[in-house]
């Protein structure tokens, strides 16, 4: 799902999609940072999803931060896009390219807390 901006309405759309994709008797636990769009009092969370929030100001506990950094530095930075569609196309292509590299994903997102 790609949106032109991120707010609580976008998070609700994502939560609804995740909820609908789960088998009937399943429940999902999503671990999120405390961005305002994740913690909004108006956010509607489906009954088969539980949100667990990371401690405040702890990006080191959120392994996806390394993935965002990698994508920005290797694909998205220092480029000019002619419009939103071109930017969207590049975002999708780079996401797919990196996600298909299992070793790269493990190295970016695996965290050793010991």
PDB file of N, CA and C in Angstrom:
ATOM      1  N   UNK A   1       0.842  -1.165   0.000  1.00  0.00           N
ATOM      2  CA  UNK A   1       0.000   0.000   0.000  1.00  0.00           C
ATOM      3  C   UNK A   1       0.892   1.234   0.000  1.00  0.00           C
ATOM      4  N   UNK A   2       0.672   2.102  -0.929  1.00  0.00           N
ATOM      5  CA  UNK A   2       1.429   3.347  -0.999  1.00  0.00           C
ATOM      6  C   UNK A   2       0.449   4.501  -0.911  1.00  0.00           C
ATOM      7  N   UNK A   3       0.722   5.403   0.015  1.00  0.00           N
ATOM      8  CA  UNK A   3      -0.101   6.591   0.187  1.00  0.00           C
ATOM      9  C   UNK A   3       0.775   7.825   0.002  1.00  0.00           C
ATOM     10  N   UNK A   4       0.203   8.944  -0.441  1.00  0.00           N
ATOM     11  CA  UNK A   4       1.009  10.152  -0.633  1.00  0.00           C
ATOM     12  C   UNK A   4       1.465  10.781   0.681  1.00  0.00           C
ATOM     13  N   UNK A   5       0.838  10.411   1.795  1.00  0.00           N
ATOM     14  CA  UNK A   5       1.232  10.894   3.115  1.00  0.00           C
ATOM     15  C   UNK A   5       0.749   9.874   4.138  1.00  0.00           C
ATOM     16  N   UNK A   6       1.227  10.005   5.362  1.00  0.00           N
ATOM     17  CA  UNK A   6       0.851   9.045   6.396  1.00  0.00           C
ATOM     18  C   UNK A   6       0.131   9.769   7.516  1.00  0.00           C
ATOM     19  N   UNK A   7      -1.062   9.308   7.820  1.00  0.00           N
ATOM     20  CA  UNK A   7      -1.837   9.836   8.934  1.00  0.00           C
ATOM     21  C   UNK A   7      -2.653   8.685   9.525  1.00  0.00           C
ATOM     22  N   UNK A   8      -3.462   8.985  10.532  1.00  0.00           N
ATOM     23  CA  UNK A   8      -4.213   7.910  11.190  1.00  0.00           C
ATOM     24  C   UNK A   8      -5.224   7.258  10.247  1.00  0.00           C
ATOM     25  N   UNK A   9      -5.743   8.002   9.276  1.00  0.00           N
ATOM     26  CA  UNK A   9      -6.664   7.398   8.307  1.00  0.00           C
ATOM     27  C   UNK A   9      -5.940   6.346   7.461  1.00  0.00           C
ATOM     28  N   UNK A  10      -4.709   6.637   7.065  1.00  0.00           N
ATOM     29  CA  UNK A  10      -3.917   5.664   6.316  1.00  0.00           C
ATOM     30  C   UNK A  10      -3.616   4.429   7.142  1.00  0.00           C
ATOM     31  N   UNK A  11      -3.318   4.637   8.430  1.00  0.00           N
ATOM     32  CA  UNK A  11      -3.058   3.505   9.323  1.00  0.00           C
ATOM     33  C   UNK A  11      -4.321   2.652   9.456  1.00  0.00           C
ATOM     34  N   UNK A  12      -5.474   3.299   9.555  1.00  0.00           N
ATOM     35  CA  UNK A  12      -6.733   2.548   9.629  1.00  0.00           C
ATOM     36  C   UNK A  12      -6.955   1.697   8.386  1.00  0.00           C
ATOM     37  N   UNK A  13      -6.647   2.237   7.223  1.00  0.00           N
ATOM     38  CA  UNK A  13      -6.781   1.473   5.981  1.00  0.00           C
ATOM     39  C   UNK A  13      -5.885   0.240   6.034  1.00  0.00           C
ATOM     40  N   UNK A  14      -4.638   0.430   6.476  1.00  0.00           N
ATOM     41  CA  UNK A  14      -3.705  -0.691   6.586  1.00  0.00           C
ATOM     42  C   UNK A  14      -4.216  -1.729   7.586  1.00  0.00           C
ATOM     43  N   UNK A  15      -4.653  -1.274   8.757  1.00  0.00           N
ATOM     44  CA  UNK A  15      -5.152  -2.204   9.774  1.00  0.00           C
ATOM     45  C   UNK A  15      -6.349  -2.998   9.256  1.00  0.00           C
ATOM     46  N   UNK A  16      -7.219  -2.340   8.529  1.00  0.00           N
ATOM     47  CA  UNK A  16      -8.386  -3.027   7.963  1.00  0.00           C
ATOM     48  C   UNK A  16      -7.945  -4.094   6.960  1.00  0.00           C
ATOM     49  N   UNK A  17      -6.959  -3.759   6.123  1.00  0.00           N
ATOM     50  CA  UNK A  17      -6.459  -4.735   5.148  1.00  0.00           C
ATOM     51  C   UNK A  17      -5.817  -5.928   5.846  1.00  0.00           C
ATOM     52  N   UNK A  18      -5.012  -5.653   6.871  1.00  0.00           N
ATOM     53  CA  UNK A  18      -4.382  -6.741   7.626  1.00  0.00           C
ATOM     54  C   UNK A  18      -5.466  -7.599   8.276  1.00  0.00           C
ATOM     55  N   UNK A  19      -6.427  -6.962   8.905  1.00  0.00           N
ATOM     56  CA  UNK A  19      -7.516  -7.671   9.570  1.00  0.00           C
ATOM     57  C   UNK A  19      -8.262  -8.593   8.610  1.00  0.00           C
ATOM     58  N   UNK A  20      -8.581  -8.082   7.445  1.00  0.00           N
ATOM     59  CA  UNK A  20      -9.342  -8.862   6.467  1.00  0.00           C
ATOM     60  C   UNK A  20      -8.526  -9.996   5.847  1.00  0.00           C
ATOM     61  N   UNK A  21      -7.203  -9.878   5.896  1.00  0.00           N
ATOM     62  CA  UNK A  21      -6.358 -10.922   5.307  1.00  0.00           C
ATOM     63  C   UNK A  21      -6.102 -12.085   6.268  1.00  0.00           C
ATOM     64  N   UNK A  22      -6.454 -11.915   7.533  1.00  0.00           N
ATOM     65  CA  UNK A  22      -6.225 -12.964   8.529  1.00  0.00           C
ATOM     66  C   UNK A  22      -7.282 -14.058   8.428  1.00  0.00           C
ATOM     67  N   UNK A  23      -6.880 -15.312   8.670  1.00  0.00           N
ATOM     68  CA  UNK A  23      -7.879 -16.384   8.754  1.00  0.00           C
ATOM     69  C   UNK A  23      -8.892 -16.061   9.862  1.00  0.00           C
ATOM     70  N   UNK A  24     -10.077 -16.593   9.741  1.00  0.00           N
ATOM     71  CA  UNK A  24     -11.204 -16.234  10.613  1.00  0.00           C
ATOM     72  C   UNK A  24     -10.889 -16.267  12.109  1.00  0.00           C
ATOM     73  N   UNK A  25     -10.198 -17.269  12.578  1.00  0.00           N
ATOM     74  CA  UNK A  25      -9.963 -17.395  14.021  1.00  0.00           C
ATOM     75  C   UNK A  25      -8.597 -16.857  14.457  1.00  0.00           C
ATOM     76  N   UNK A  26      -7.926 -16.125  13.585  1.00  0.00           N
ATOM     77  CA  UNK A  26      -6.584 -15.620  13.899  1.00  0.00           C
ATOM     78  C   UNK A  26      -6.628 -14.226  14.506  1.00  0.00           C
ATOM     79  N   UNK A  27      -5.535 -13.903  15.168  1.00  0.00           N
ATOM     80  CA  UNK A  27      -5.359 -12.600  15.795  1.00  0.00           C
ATOM     81  C   UNK A  27      -3.950 -12.132  15.451  1.00  0.00           C
ATOM     82  N   UNK A  28      -3.773 -10.854  15.201  1.00  0.00           N
ATOM     83  CA  UNK A  28      -2.449 -10.319  14.866  1.00  0.00           C
ATOM     84  C   UNK A  28      -1.983  -9.362  15.954  1.00  0.00           C
ATOM     85  N   UNK A  29      -0.702  -9.426  16.248  1.00  0.00           N
ATOM     86  CA  UNK A  29      -0.052  -8.489  17.148  1.00  0.00           C
ATOM     87  C   UNK A  29       0.893  -7.657  16.299  1.00  0.00           C
ATOM     88  N   UNK A  30       0.679  -6.352  16.262  1.00  0.00           N
ATOM     89  CA  UNK A  30       1.548  -5.460  15.499  1.00  0.00           C
ATOM     90  C   UNK A  30       2.357  -4.614  16.464  1.00  0.00           C
ATOM     91  N   UNK A  31       3.659  -4.570  16.250  1.00  0.00           N
ATOM     92  CA  UNK A  31       4.547  -3.776  17.089  1.00  0.00           C
ATOM     93  C   UNK A  31       4.835  -2.480  16.346  1.00  0.00           C
ATOM     94  N   UNK A  32       4.533  -1.362  16.992  1.00  0.00           N
ATOM     95  CA  UNK A  32       4.626  -0.053  16.348  1.00  0.00           C
ATOM     96  C   UNK A  32       5.422   0.928  17.197  1.00  0.00           C
ATOM     97  N   UNK A  33       5.974   1.931  16.525  1.00  0.00           N
ATOM     98  CA  UNK A  33       6.555   3.034  17.278  1.00  0.00           C
ATOM     99  C   UNK A  33       5.411   3.933  17.749  1.00  0.00           C
ATOM    100  N   UNK A  34       5.750   4.998  18.413  1.00  0.00           N
ATOM    101  CA  UNK A  34       4.716   5.854  18.985  1.00  0.00           C
ATOM    102  C   UNK A  34       4.449   7.105  18.141  1.00  0.00           C
ATOM    103  N   UNK A  35       4.552   6.951  16.846  1.00  0.00           N
ATOM    104  CA  UNK A  35       4.218   8.069  15.961  1.00  0.00           C
ATOM    105  C   UNK A  35       2.766   8.468  16.211  1.00  0.00           C
ATOM    106  N   UNK A  36       2.480   9.745  16.077  1.00  0.00           N
ATOM    107  CA  UNK A  36       1.135  10.242  16.404  1.00  0.00           C
ATOM    108  C   UNK A  36       0.044   9.538  15.610  1.00  0.00           C
ATOM    109  N   UNK A  37       0.323   9.156  14.381  1.00  0.00           N
ATOM    110  CA  UNK A  37      -0.693   8.474  13.580  1.00  0.00           C
ATOM    111  C   UNK A  37      -0.925   7.039  14.040  1.00  0.00           C
ATOM    112  N   UNK A  38      -0.006   6.474  14.840  1.00  0.00           N
ATOM    113  CA  UNK A  38      -0.212   5.140  15.418  1.00  0.00           C
ATOM    114  C   UNK A  38      -0.981   5.218  16.735  1.00  0.00           C
ATOM    115  N   UNK A  39      -0.860   6.337  17.430  1.00  0.00           N
ATOM    116  CA  UNK A  39      -1.409   6.445  18.785  1.00  0.00           C
ATOM    117  C   UNK A  39      -2.636   7.343  18.876  1.00  0.00           C
ATOM    118  N   UNK A  40      -3.125   7.819  17.761  1.00  0.00           N
ATOM    119  CA  UNK A  40      -4.278   8.722  17.744  1.00  0.00           C
ATOM    120  C   UNK A  40      -5.465   8.106  18.482  1.00  0.00           C
ATOM    121  N   UNK A  41      -6.119   8.915  19.300  1.00  0.00           N
ATOM    122  CA  UNK A  41      -7.296   8.438  20.032  1.00  0.00           C
ATOM    123  C   UNK A  41      -8.449   8.106  19.089  1.00  0.00           C
ATOM    124  N   UNK A  42      -8.414   8.646  17.889  1.00  0.00           N
ATOM    125  CA  UNK A  42      -9.489   8.383  16.922  1.00  0.00           C
ATOM    126  C   UNK A  42      -9.224   7.134  16.077  1.00  0.00           C
ATOM    127  N   UNK A  43      -8.045   6.530  16.235  1.00  0.00           N
ATOM    128  CA  UNK A  43      -7.680   5.356  15.439  1.00  0.00           C
ATOM    129  C   UNK A  43      -8.589   4.174  15.777  1.00  0.00           C
ATOM    130  N   UNK A  44      -9.205   3.609  14.768  1.00  0.00           N
ATOM    131  CA  UNK A  44     -10.080   2.446  14.954  1.00  0.00           C
ATOM    132  C   UNK A  44      -9.282   1.182  14.643  1.00  0.00           C
ATOM    133  N   UNK A  45      -9.114   0.341  15.667  1.00  0.00           N
ATOM    134  CA  UNK A  45      -8.341  -0.893  15.529  1.00  0.00           C
ATOM    135  C   UNK A  45      -9.314  -2.070  15.466  1.00  0.00           C
ATOM    136  N   UNK A  46      -9.230  -2.886  14.415  1.00  0.00           N
ATOM    137  CA  UNK A  46     -10.118  -4.053  14.318  1.00  0.00           C
ATOM    138  C   UNK A  46      -9.951  -4.979  15.528  1.00  0.00           C
ATOM    139  N   UNK A  47     -10.999  -5.706  15.850  1.00  0.00           N
ATOM    140  CA  UNK A  47     -10.997  -6.549  17.053  1.00  0.00           C
ATOM    141  C   UNK A  47     -10.003  -7.704  16.984  1.00  0.00           C
ATOM    142  N   UNK A  48      -9.569  -8.092  15.788  1.00  0.00           N
ATOM    143  CA  UNK A  48      -8.613  -9.200  15.680  1.00  0.00           C
ATOM    144  C   UNK A  48      -7.166  -8.713  15.559  1.00  0.00           C
ATOM    145  N   UNK A  49      -6.947  -7.446  15.903  1.00  0.00           N
ATOM    146  CA  UNK A  49      -5.594  -6.883  15.892  1.00  0.00           C
ATOM    147  C   UNK A  49      -5.326  -6.221  17.237  1.00  0.00           C
ATOM    148  N   UNK A  50      -4.143  -6.477  17.772  1.00  0.00           N
ATOM    149  CA  UNK A  50      -3.704  -5.825  19.005  1.00  0.00           C
ATOM    150  C   UNK A  50      -2.441  -5.033  18.681  1.00  0.00           C
ATOM    151  N   UNK A  51      -2.379  -3.798  19.159  1.00  0.00           N
ATOM    152  CA  UNK A  51      -1.208  -2.957  18.929  1.00  0.00           C
ATOM    153  C   UNK A  51      -0.342  -2.939  20.176  1.00  0.00           C
ATOM    154  N   UNK A  52       0.941  -3.186  19.997  1.00  0.00           N
ATOM    155  CA  UNK A  52       1.920  -3.128  21.074  1.00  0.00           C
ATOM    156  C   UNK A  52       2.918  -2.039  20.698  1.00  0.00           C
ATOM    157  N   UNK A  53       3.106  -1.073  21.586  1.00  0.00           N
ATOM    158  CA  UNK A  53       3.946   0.076  21.258  1.00  0.00           C
ATOM    159  C   UNK A  53       5.339  -0.042  21.867  1.00  0.00           C
ATOM    160  N   UNK A  54       6.323   0.322  21.076  1.00  0.00           N
ATOM    161  CA  UNK A  54       7.700   0.376  21.554  1.00  0.00           C
ATOM    162  C   UNK A  54       7.829   1.513  22.561  1.00  0.00           C
ATOM    163  N   UNK A  55       8.848   1.450  23.422  1.00  0.00           N
ATOM    164  CA  UNK A  55       9.067   2.569  24.340  1.00  0.00           C
ATOM    165  C   UNK A  55       9.347   3.853  23.545  1.00  0.00           C
ATOM    166  N   UNK A  56       9.025   5.004  24.122  1.00  0.00           N
ATOM    167  CA  UNK A  56       9.283   6.266  23.415  1.00  0.00           C
ATOM    168  C   UNK A  56      10.772   6.456  23.117  1.00  0.00           C
ATOM    169  N   UNK A  57      11.046   7.113  22.011  1.00  0.00           N
ATOM    170  CA  UNK A  57      12.408   7.491  21.613  1.00  0.00           C
ATOM    171  C   UNK A  57      13.365   6.296  21.599  1.00  0.00           C
ATOM    172  N   UNK A  58      12.955   5.211  20.947  1.00  0.00           N
ATOM    173  CA  UNK A  58      13.802   4.016  20.903  1.00  0.00           C
ATOM    174  C   UNK A  58      13.883   3.442  19.486  1.00  0.00           C
ATOM    175  N   UNK A  59      14.388   4.219  18.520  1.00  0.00           N
ATOM    176  CA  UNK A  59      14.474   3.689  17.157  1.00  0.00           C
ATOM    177  C   UNK A  59      15.373   2.462  17.053  1.00  0.00           C
ATOM    178  N   UNK A  60      16.285   2.296  18.007  1.00  0.00           N
ATOM    179  CA  UNK A  60      17.172   1.132  17.979  1.00  0.00           C
ATOM    180  C   UNK A  60      16.407  -0.171  18.205  1.00  0.00           C
ATOM    181  N   UNK A  61      15.203  -0.087  18.748  1.00  0.00           N
ATOM    182  CA  UNK A  61      14.373  -1.277  18.944  1.00  0.00           C
ATOM    183  C   UNK A  61      13.481  -1.569  17.742  1.00  0.00           C
ATOM    184  N   UNK A  62      13.517  -0.698  16.757  1.00  0.00           N
ATOM    185  CA  UNK A  62      12.653  -0.827  15.588  1.00  0.00           C
ATOM    186  C   UNK A  62      13.511  -1.162  14.374  1.00  0.00           C
ATOM    187  N   UNK A  63      13.685  -2.454  14.071  1.00  0.00           N
ATOM    188  CA  UNK A  63      14.604  -2.858  13.006  1.00  0.00           C
ATOM    189  C   UNK A  63      14.253  -2.320  11.624  1.00  0.00           C
ATOM    190  N   UNK A  64      13.001  -1.954  11.398  1.00  0.00           N
ATOM    191  CA  UNK A  64      12.642  -1.444  10.072  1.00  0.00           C
ATOM    192  C   UNK A  64      13.309  -0.088   9.806  1.00  0.00           C
ATOM    193  N   UNK A  65      13.755   0.596  10.854  1.00  0.00           N
ATOM    194  CA  UNK A  65      14.459   1.872  10.659  1.00  0.00           C
ATOM    195  C   UNK A  65      15.705   1.666   9.796  1.00  0.00           C
ATOM    196  N   UNK A  66      16.389   0.531   9.981  1.00  0.00           N
ATOM    197  CA  UNK A  66      17.570   0.234   9.155  1.00  0.00           C
ATOM    198  C   UNK A  66      17.188   0.038   7.697  1.00  0.00           C
ATOM    199  N   UNK A  67      16.047  -0.582   7.458  1.00  0.00           N
ATOM    200  CA  UNK A  67      15.567  -0.777   6.091  1.00  0.00           C
ATOM    201  C   UNK A  67      15.261   0.565   5.442  1.00  0.00           C
ATOM    202  N   UNK A  68      14.565   1.453   6.162  1.00  0.00           N
ATOM    203  CA  UNK A  68      14.255   2.780   5.595  1.00  0.00           C
ATOM    204  C   UNK A  68      15.540   3.528   5.256  1.00  0.00           C
ATOM    205  N   UNK A  69      16.515   3.464   6.163  1.00  0.00           N
ATOM    206  CA  UNK A  69      17.787   4.142   5.912  1.00  0.00           C
ATOM    207  C   UNK A  69      18.453   3.587   4.650  1.00  0.00           C
ATOM    208  N   UNK A  70      18.470   2.284   4.508  1.00  0.00           N
ATOM    209  CA  UNK A  70      19.077   1.653   3.335  1.00  0.00           C
ATOM    210  C   UNK A  70      18.362   2.091   2.056  1.00  0.00           C
ATOM    211  N   UNK A  71      17.042   2.042   2.060  1.00  0.00           N
ATOM    212  CA  UNK A  71      16.284   2.441   0.869  1.00  0.00           C
ATOM    213  C   UNK A  71      16.525   3.908   0.521  1.00  0.00           C
ATOM    214  N   UNK A  72      16.532   4.768   1.536  1.00  0.00           N
ATOM    215  CA  UNK A  72      16.780   6.196   1.264  1.00  0.00           C
ATOM    216  C   UNK A  72      18.171   6.406   0.688  1.00  0.00           C
ATOM    217  N   UNK A  73      19.172   5.803   1.290  1.00  0.00           N
ATOM    218  CA  UNK A  73      20.547   6.070   0.861  1.00  0.00           C
ATOM    219  C   UNK A  73      20.917   5.393  -0.454  1.00  0.00           C
ATOM    220  N   UNK A  74      20.304   4.250  -0.765  1.00  0.00           N
ATOM    221  CA  UNK A  74      20.668   3.526  -1.988  1.00  0.00           C
ATOM    222  C   UNK A  74      19.732   3.754  -3.170  1.00  0.00           C
ATOM    223  N   UNK A  75      18.523   4.181  -2.914  1.00  0.00           N
ATOM    224  CA  UNK A  75      17.552   4.295  -4.010  1.00  0.00           C
ATOM    225  C   UNK A  75      16.876   5.658  -4.113  1.00  0.00           C
ATOM    226  N   UNK A  76      16.594   6.301  -2.994  1.00  0.00           N
ATOM    227  CA  UNK A  76      15.697   7.452  -3.027  1.00  0.00           C
ATOM    228  C   UNK A  76      16.388   8.801  -2.925  1.00  0.00           C
ATOM    229  N   UNK A  77      17.583   8.858  -2.360  1.00  0.00           N
ATOM    230  CA  UNK A  77      18.243  10.148  -2.139  1.00  0.00           C
ATOM    231  C   UNK A  77      18.901  10.686  -3.400  1.00  0.00           C
ATOM    232  N   UNK A  78      19.046  11.990  -3.443  1.00  0.00           N
ATOM    233  CA  UNK A  78      19.761  12.691  -4.520  1.00  0.00           C
ATOM    234  C   UNK A  78      19.217  12.363  -5.902  1.00  0.00           C
ATOM    235  N   UNK A  79      17.916  12.292  -5.988  1.00  0.00           N
ATOM    236  CA  UNK A  79      17.253  12.041  -7.268  1.00  0.00           C
ATOM    237  C   UNK A  79      16.110  13.028  -7.429  1.00  0.00           C
ATOM    238  N   UNK A  80      15.816  13.341  -8.654  1.00  0.00           N
ATOM    239  CA  UNK A  80      14.686  14.218  -8.945  1.00  0.00           C
ATOM    240  C   UNK A  80      13.654  13.404  -9.709  1.00  0.00           C
ATOM    241  N   UNK A  81      12.433  13.444  -9.233  1.00  0.00           N
ATOM    242  CA  UNK A  81      11.351  12.715  -9.879  1.00  0.00           C
ATOM    243  C   UNK A  81      10.434  13.717 -10.570  1.00  0.00           C
ATOM    244  N   UNK A  82       9.964  13.358 -11.738  1.00  0.00           N
ATOM    245  CA  UNK A  82       9.129  14.268 -12.528  1.00  0.00           C
ATOM    246  C   UNK A  82       7.724  14.422 -11.964  1.00  0.00           C
ATOM    247  N   UNK A  83       7.346  13.521 -11.116  1.00  0.00           N
ATOM    248  CA  UNK A  83       6.008  13.593 -10.535  1.00  0.00           C
ATOM    249  C   UNK A  83       5.773  12.454  -9.568  1.00  0.00           C
ATOM    250  N   UNK A  84       4.603  12.473  -8.976  1.00  0.00           N
ATOM    251  CA  UNK A  84       4.257  11.477  -7.973  1.00  0.00           C
ATOM    252  C   UNK A  84       4.295  10.062  -8.534  1.00  0.00           C
ATOM    253  N   UNK A  85       3.781   9.871  -9.746  1.00  0.00           N
ATOM    254  CA  UNK A  85       3.742   8.527 -10.349  1.00  0.00           C
ATOM    255  C   UNK A  85       5.150   7.958 -10.529  1.00  0.00           C
ATOM    256  N   UNK A  86       6.087   8.796 -10.939  1.00  0.00           N
ATOM    257  CA  UNK A  86       7.469   8.336 -11.111  1.00  0.00           C
ATOM    258  C   UNK A  86       8.079   7.971  -9.757  1.00  0.00           C
ATOM    259  N   UNK A  87       7.816   8.780  -8.750  1.00  0.00           N
ATOM    260  CA  UNK A  87       8.296   8.492  -7.399  1.00  0.00           C
ATOM    261  C   UNK A  87       7.689   7.184  -6.887  1.00  0.00           C
ATOM    262  N   UNK A  88       6.403   7.015  -7.104  1.00  0.00           N
ATOM    263  CA  UNK A  88       5.718   5.796  -6.680  1.00  0.00           C
ATOM    264  C   UNK A  88       6.307   4.567  -7.372  1.00  0.00           C
ATOM    265  N   UNK A  89       6.556   4.673  -8.660  1.00  0.00           N
ATOM    266  CA  UNK A  89       7.132   3.561  -9.428  1.00  0.00           C
ATOM    267  C   UNK A  89       8.507   3.176  -8.874  1.00  0.00           C
ATOM    268  N   UNK A  90       9.337   4.176  -8.561  1.00  0.00           N
ATOM    269  CA  UNK A  90      10.666   3.921  -8.009  1.00  0.00           C
ATOM    270  C   UNK A  90      10.563   3.297  -6.616  1.00  0.00           C
ATOM    271  N   UNK A  91       9.638   3.784  -5.803  1.00  0.00           N
ATOM    272  CA  UNK A  91       9.469   3.239  -4.455  1.00  0.00           C
ATOM    273  C   UNK A  91       9.075   1.765  -4.511  1.00  0.00           C
ATOM    274  N   UNK A  92       8.145   1.438  -5.389  1.00  0.00           N
ATOM    275  CA  UNK A  92       7.697   0.046  -5.532  1.00  0.00           C
ATOM    276  C   UNK A  92       8.831  -0.837  -6.042  1.00  0.00           C
ATOM    277  N   UNK A  93       9.538  -0.373  -7.061  1.00  0.00           N
ATOM    278  CA  UNK A  93      10.630  -1.169  -7.646  1.00  0.00           C
ATOM    279  C   UNK A  93      11.739  -1.418  -6.629  1.00  0.00           C
ATOM    280  N   UNK A  94      12.134  -0.389  -5.894  1.00  0.00           N
ATOM    281  CA  UNK A  94      13.219  -0.559  -4.922  1.00  0.00           C
ATOM    282  C   UNK A  94      12.778  -1.443  -3.763  1.00  0.00           C
ATOM    283  N   UNK A  95      11.548  -1.274  -3.309  1.00  0.00           N
ATOM    284  CA  UNK A  95      11.021  -2.116  -2.230  1.00  0.00           C
ATOM    285  C   UNK A  95      11.038  -3.581  -2.647  1.00  0.00           C
ATOM    286  N   UNK A  96      10.531  -3.862  -3.842  1.00  0.00           N
ATOM    287  CA  UNK A  96      10.505  -5.246  -4.325  1.00  0.00           C
ATOM    288  C   UNK A  96      11.912  -5.800  -4.486  1.00  0.00           C
ATOM    289  N   UNK A  97      12.809  -4.996  -5.008  1.00  0.00           N
ATOM    290  CA  UNK A  97      14.183  -5.457  -5.218  1.00  0.00           C
ATOM    291  C   UNK A  97      14.829  -5.850  -3.893  1.00  0.00           C
ATOM    292  N   UNK A  98      14.704  -5.011  -2.896  1.00  0.00           N
ATOM    293  CA  UNK A  98      15.330  -5.287  -1.604  1.00  0.00           C
ATOM    294  C   UNK A  98      14.623  -6.436  -0.888  1.00  0.00           C
ATOM    295  N   UNK A  99      13.310  -6.480  -0.938  1.00  0.00           N
ATOM    296  CA  UNK A  99      12.563  -7.538  -0.240  1.00  0.00           C
ATOM    297  C   UNK A  99      12.839  -8.920  -0.808  1.00  0.00           C
ATOM    298  N   UNK A 100      13.227  -9.000  -2.066  1.00  0.00           N
ATOM    299  CA  UNK A 100      13.542 -10.293  -2.672  1.00  0.00           C
ATOM    300  C   UNK A 100      14.947 -10.770  -2.312  1.00  0.00           C
ATOM    301  N   UNK A 101      15.740  -9.922  -1.700  1.00  0.00           N
ATOM    302  CA  UNK A 101      17.095 -10.289  -1.291  1.00  0.00           C
ATOM    303  C   UNK A 101      17.050 -10.729   0.181  1.00  0.00           C
ATOM    304  N   UNK A 102      16.820 -12.010   0.383  1.00  0.00           N
ATOM    305  CA  UNK A 102      16.619 -12.515   1.742  1.00  0.00           C
ATOM    306  C   UNK A 102      17.795 -12.201   2.668  1.00  0.00           C
ATOM    307  N   UNK A 103      19.012 -12.407   2.196  1.00  0.00           N
ATOM    308  CA  UNK A 103      20.182 -12.139   3.042  1.00  0.00           C
ATOM    309  C   UNK A 103      20.273 -10.659   3.399  1.00  0.00           C
ATOM    310  N   UNK A 104      20.009  -9.802   2.429  1.00  0.00           N
ATOM    311  CA  UNK A 104      20.046  -8.356   2.678  1.00  0.00           C
ATOM    312  C   UNK A 104      18.997  -7.974   3.725  1.00  0.00           C
ATOM    313  N   UNK A 105      17.784  -8.497   3.573  1.00  0.00           N
ATOM    314  CA  UNK A 105      16.713  -8.185   4.529  1.00  0.00           C
ATOM    315  C   UNK A 105      17.082  -8.651   5.935  1.00  0.00           C
ATOM    316  N   UNK A 106      17.645  -9.839   6.030  1.00  0.00           N
ATOM    317  CA  UNK A 106      18.048 -10.341   7.345  1.00  0.00           C
ATOM    318  C   UNK A 106      19.137  -9.468   7.951  1.00  0.00           C
ATOM    319  N   UNK A 107      20.095  -9.053   7.127  1.00  0.00           N
ATOM    320  CA  UNK A 107      21.182  -8.230   7.663  1.00  0.00           C
ATOM    321  C   UNK A 107      20.679  -6.848   8.073  1.00  0.00           C
ATOM    322  N   UNK A 108      19.691  -6.332   7.365  1.00  0.00           N
ATOM    323  CA  UNK A 108      19.159  -5.011   7.696  1.00  0.00           C
ATOM    324  C   UNK A 108      18.228  -5.036   8.904  1.00  0.00           C
ATOM    325  N   UNK A 109      17.441  -6.078   9.026  1.00  0.00           N
ATOM    326  CA  UNK A 109      16.370  -6.080  10.023  1.00  0.00           C
ATOM    327  C   UNK A 109      16.623  -6.964  11.235  1.00  0.00           C
ATOM    328  N   UNK A 110      17.618  -7.832  11.171  1.00  0.00           N
ATOM    329  CA  UNK A 110      17.912  -8.680  12.329  1.00  0.00           C
ATOM    330  C   UNK A 110      18.649  -7.853  13.377  1.00  0.00           C
ATOM    331  N   UNK A 111      18.202  -7.967  14.600  1.00  0.00           N
ATOM    332  CA  UNK A 111      18.809  -7.201  15.683  1.00  0.00           C
ATOM    333  C   UNK A 111      19.194  -8.167  16.794  1.00  0.00           C
ATOM    334  N   UNK A 112      20.419  -8.047  17.260  1.00  0.00           N
ATOM    335  CA  UNK A 112      20.864  -8.856  18.386  1.00  0.00           C
ATOM    336  C   UNK A 112      20.815  -7.985  19.635  1.00  0.00           C
ATOM    337  N   UNK A 113      19.975  -8.335  20.578  1.00  0.00           N
ATOM    338  CA  UNK A 113      19.836  -7.540  21.797  1.00  0.00           C
ATOM    339  C   UNK A 113      20.693  -8.083  22.934  1.00  0.00           C
ATOM    340  N   UNK A 114      21.394  -9.174  22.671  1.00  0.00           N
ATOM    341  CA  UNK A 114      22.212  -9.784  23.731  1.00  0.00           C
ATOM    342  C   UNK A 114      23.571  -9.135  23.802  1.00  0.00           C
TER     343      UNK A 114
END
